Amino acid sequence: MNADEAKVAFEQALARLPSGYIEGVFEGRPWGATIRRSIDHRRVWLFARDLRGNDIVSFNLYRTTSGSPVLKPCEMSSDKVTAFVIGFKPAAE
């Protein structure tokens, strides 16, 4: 997947995740994730933790006035954040 395809896949996967706390699976391991969105949906915050380990994923996503997203990972690579959002599968209710 090239960079443009990854960006589209990331945006689509993030849009499918509900706000609030959810549990699911990433790379075969259970994870818990909290997603918060601003009322105007211009800011998205995600914090996720491996429920059986010490790994975390955390980022803020800002949408500029032009609508372009600006991803700000919290002390990790954008690639790690993108892989998590695309690969995270929420548990079925």
C-alpha atoms as a PDB file:
ATOM      1  CA  MET A   1       0.000   0.000   0.000  1.00  0.00           C
ATOM      2  CA  ASN A   2       1.469   3.357  -0.997  1.00  0.00           C
ATOM      3  CA  ALA A   3       1.323   6.489   1.176  1.00  0.00           C
ATOM      4  CA  ASP A   4      -1.847   7.861  -0.437  1.00  0.00           C
ATOM      5  CA  GLU A   5      -3.655   4.518  -0.097  1.00  0.00           C
ATOM      6  CA  ALA A   6      -2.543   4.240   3.536  1.00  0.00           C
ATOM      7  CA  LYS A   7      -3.860   7.742   4.247  1.00  0.00           C
ATOM      8  CA  VAL A   8      -7.263   6.884   2.764  1.00  0.00           C
ATOM      9  CA  ALA A   9      -7.387   3.527   4.592  1.00  0.00           C
ATOM     10  CA  PHE A  10      -6.450   5.276   7.868  1.00  0.00           C
ATOM     11  CA  GLU A  11      -9.191   7.911   7.461  1.00  0.00           C
ATOM     12  CA  GLN A  12     -11.812   5.272   6.619  1.00  0.00           C
ATOM     13  CA  ALA A  13     -10.818   2.998   9.508  1.00  0.00           C
ATOM     14  CA  LEU A  14     -10.787   5.880  11.998  1.00  0.00           C
ATOM     15  CA  ALA A  15     -14.236   7.024  10.841  1.00  0.00           C
ATOM     16  CA  ARG A  16     -15.613   3.527  11.575  1.00  0.00           C
ATOM     17  CA  LEU A  17     -14.400   3.544  15.187  1.00  0.00           C
ATOM     18  CA  PRO A  18     -17.049   4.798  17.617  1.00  0.00           C
ATOM     19  CA  SER A  19     -16.327   7.499  20.158  1.00  0.00           C
ATOM     20  CA  GLY A  20     -15.824   6.284  23.716  1.00  0.00           C
ATOM     21  CA  TYR A  21     -14.151   3.141  25.034  1.00  0.00           C
ATOM     22  CA  ILE A  22     -14.032  -0.028  22.945  1.00  0.00           C
ATOM     23  CA  GLU A  23     -12.156  -3.288  23.087  1.00  0.00           C
ATOM     24  CA  GLY A  24     -10.907  -5.262  20.143  1.00  0.00           C
ATOM     25  CA  VAL A  25      -7.976  -7.101  18.620  1.00  0.00           C
ATOM     26  CA  PHE A  26      -4.795  -5.864  16.960  1.00  0.00           C
ATOM     27  CA  GLU A  27      -2.198  -8.320  15.653  1.00  0.00           C
ATOM     28  CA  GLY A  28      -3.895 -11.158  17.536  1.00  0.00           C
ATOM     29  CA  ARG A  29      -3.781  -9.419  20.928  1.00  0.00           C
ATOM     30  CA  PRO A  30      -6.591  -7.803  22.941  1.00  0.00           C
ATOM     31  CA  TRP A  31      -6.528  -4.015  23.085  1.00  0.00           C
ATOM     32  CA  GLY A  32      -8.676  -1.350  24.715  1.00  0.00           C
ATOM     33  CA  ALA A  33      -9.061   2.011  22.989  1.00  0.00           C
ATOM     34  CA  THR A  34     -10.629   5.333  23.899  1.00  0.00           C
ATOM     35  CA  ILE A  35     -11.580   7.685  21.090  1.00  0.00           C
ATOM     36  CA  ARG A  36     -12.730  11.255  21.665  1.00  0.00           C
ATOM     37  CA  ARG A  37     -13.951  13.620  18.993  1.00  0.00           C
ATOM     38  CA  SER A  38     -14.614  17.332  19.273  1.00  0.00           C
ATOM     39  CA  ILE A  39     -18.163  18.485  18.604  1.00  0.00           C
ATOM     40  CA  ASP A  40     -17.101  19.899  15.241  1.00  0.00           C
ATOM     41  CA  HIS A  41     -15.094  16.705  14.437  1.00  0.00           C
ATOM     42  CA  ARG A  42     -11.993  18.786  13.717  1.00  0.00           C
ATOM     43  CA  ARG A  43     -10.054  17.096  16.521  1.00  0.00           C
ATOM     44  CA  VAL A  44      -9.779  13.374  17.234  1.00  0.00           C
ATOM     45  CA  TRP A  45      -7.843  11.896  20.149  1.00  0.00           C
ATOM     46  CA  LEU A  46      -7.094   8.174  20.509  1.00  0.00           C
ATOM     47  CA  PHE A  47      -5.355   6.304  23.299  1.00  0.00           C
ATOM     48  CA  ALA A  48      -5.089   2.505  23.109  1.00  0.00           C
ATOM     49  CA  ARG A  49      -3.375  -0.041  25.323  1.00  0.00           C
ATOM     50  CA  ASP A  50      -2.425  -3.678  24.820  1.00  0.00           C
ATOM     51  CA  LEU A  51      -4.509  -5.376  27.519  1.00  0.00           C
ATOM     52  CA  ARG A  52      -1.943  -8.154  27.973  1.00  0.00           C
ATOM     53  CA  GLY A  53       1.228  -6.139  27.628  1.00  0.00           C
ATOM     54  CA  ASN A  54       2.815  -2.731  27.906  1.00  0.00           C
ATOM     55  CA  ASP A  55       2.375  -1.364  24.390  1.00  0.00           C
ATOM     56  CA  ILE A  56       0.324   1.762  23.710  1.00  0.00           C
ATOM     57  CA  VAL A  57      -0.794   3.835  20.739  1.00  0.00           C
ATOM     58  CA  SER A  58      -1.701   7.487  21.173  1.00  0.00           C
ATOM     59  CA  PHE A  59      -2.295  10.368  18.800  1.00  0.00           C
ATOM     60  CA  ASN A  60      -4.192  13.539  18.046  1.00  0.00           C
ATOM     61  CA  LEU A  61      -5.605  14.254  14.606  1.00  0.00           C
ATOM     62  CA  TYR A  62      -6.418  17.825  13.649  1.00  0.00           C
ATOM     63  CA  ARG A  63      -8.341  18.944  10.588  1.00  0.00           C
ATOM     64  CA  THR A  64      -7.214  22.294   9.255  1.00  0.00           C
ATOM     65  CA  THR A  65      -9.652  24.870   7.926  1.00  0.00           C
ATOM     66  CA  SER A  66      -8.941  23.467   4.456  1.00  0.00           C
ATOM     67  CA  GLY A  67     -10.039  20.031   5.719  1.00  0.00           C
ATOM     68  CA  SER A  68      -6.582  18.490   5.486  1.00  0.00           C
ATOM     69  CA  PRO A  69      -5.802  16.126   8.376  1.00  0.00           C
ATOM     70  CA  VAL A  70      -2.671  16.692  10.468  1.00  0.00           C
ATOM     71  CA  LEU A  71      -1.635  13.603  12.428  1.00  0.00           C
ATOM     72  CA  LYS A  72       0.313  14.186  15.652  1.00  0.00           C
ATOM     73  CA  PRO A  73       1.450  10.863  17.161  1.00  0.00           C
ATOM     74  CA  CYS A  74       2.405  10.984  20.848  1.00  0.00           C
ATOM     75  CA  GLU A  75       6.041   9.851  21.077  1.00  0.00           C
ATOM     76  CA  MET A  76       5.761   7.160  18.403  1.00  0.00           C
ATOM     77  CA  SER A  77       5.933   6.937  14.641  1.00  0.00           C
ATOM     78  CA  SER A  78       3.089   7.797  12.290  1.00  0.00           C
ATOM     79  CA  ASP A  79       3.565   4.333  10.768  1.00  0.00           C
ATOM     80  CA  LYS A  80       2.783   2.674  14.121  1.00  0.00           C
ATOM     81  CA  VAL A  81      -0.364   4.799  14.536  1.00  0.00           C
ATOM     82  CA  THR A  82      -1.507   4.121  10.970  1.00  0.00           C
ATOM     83  CA  ALA A  83      -0.926   0.364  11.284  1.00  0.00           C
ATOM     84  CA  PHE A  84      -2.905   0.264  14.523  1.00  0.00           C
ATOM     85  CA  VAL A  85      -5.926   2.204  13.259  1.00  0.00           C
ATOM     86  CA  ILE A  86      -6.096   0.183  10.038  1.00  0.00           C
ATOM     87  CA  GLY A  87      -5.483  -3.169  11.764  1.00  0.00           C
ATOM     88  CA  PHE A  88      -7.561  -2.747  14.951  1.00  0.00           C
ATOM     89  CA  LYS A  89     -10.758  -4.800  14.844  1.00  0.00           C
ATOM     90  CA  PRO A  90     -13.394  -3.886  17.452  1.00  0.00           C
ATOM     91  CA  ALA A  91     -14.965  -6.821  19.281  1.00  0.00           C
ATOM     92  CA  ALA A  92     -18.434  -7.781  18.086  1.00  0.00           C
ATOM     93  CA  GLU A  93     -21.156  -6.806  20.513  1.00  0.00           C
END
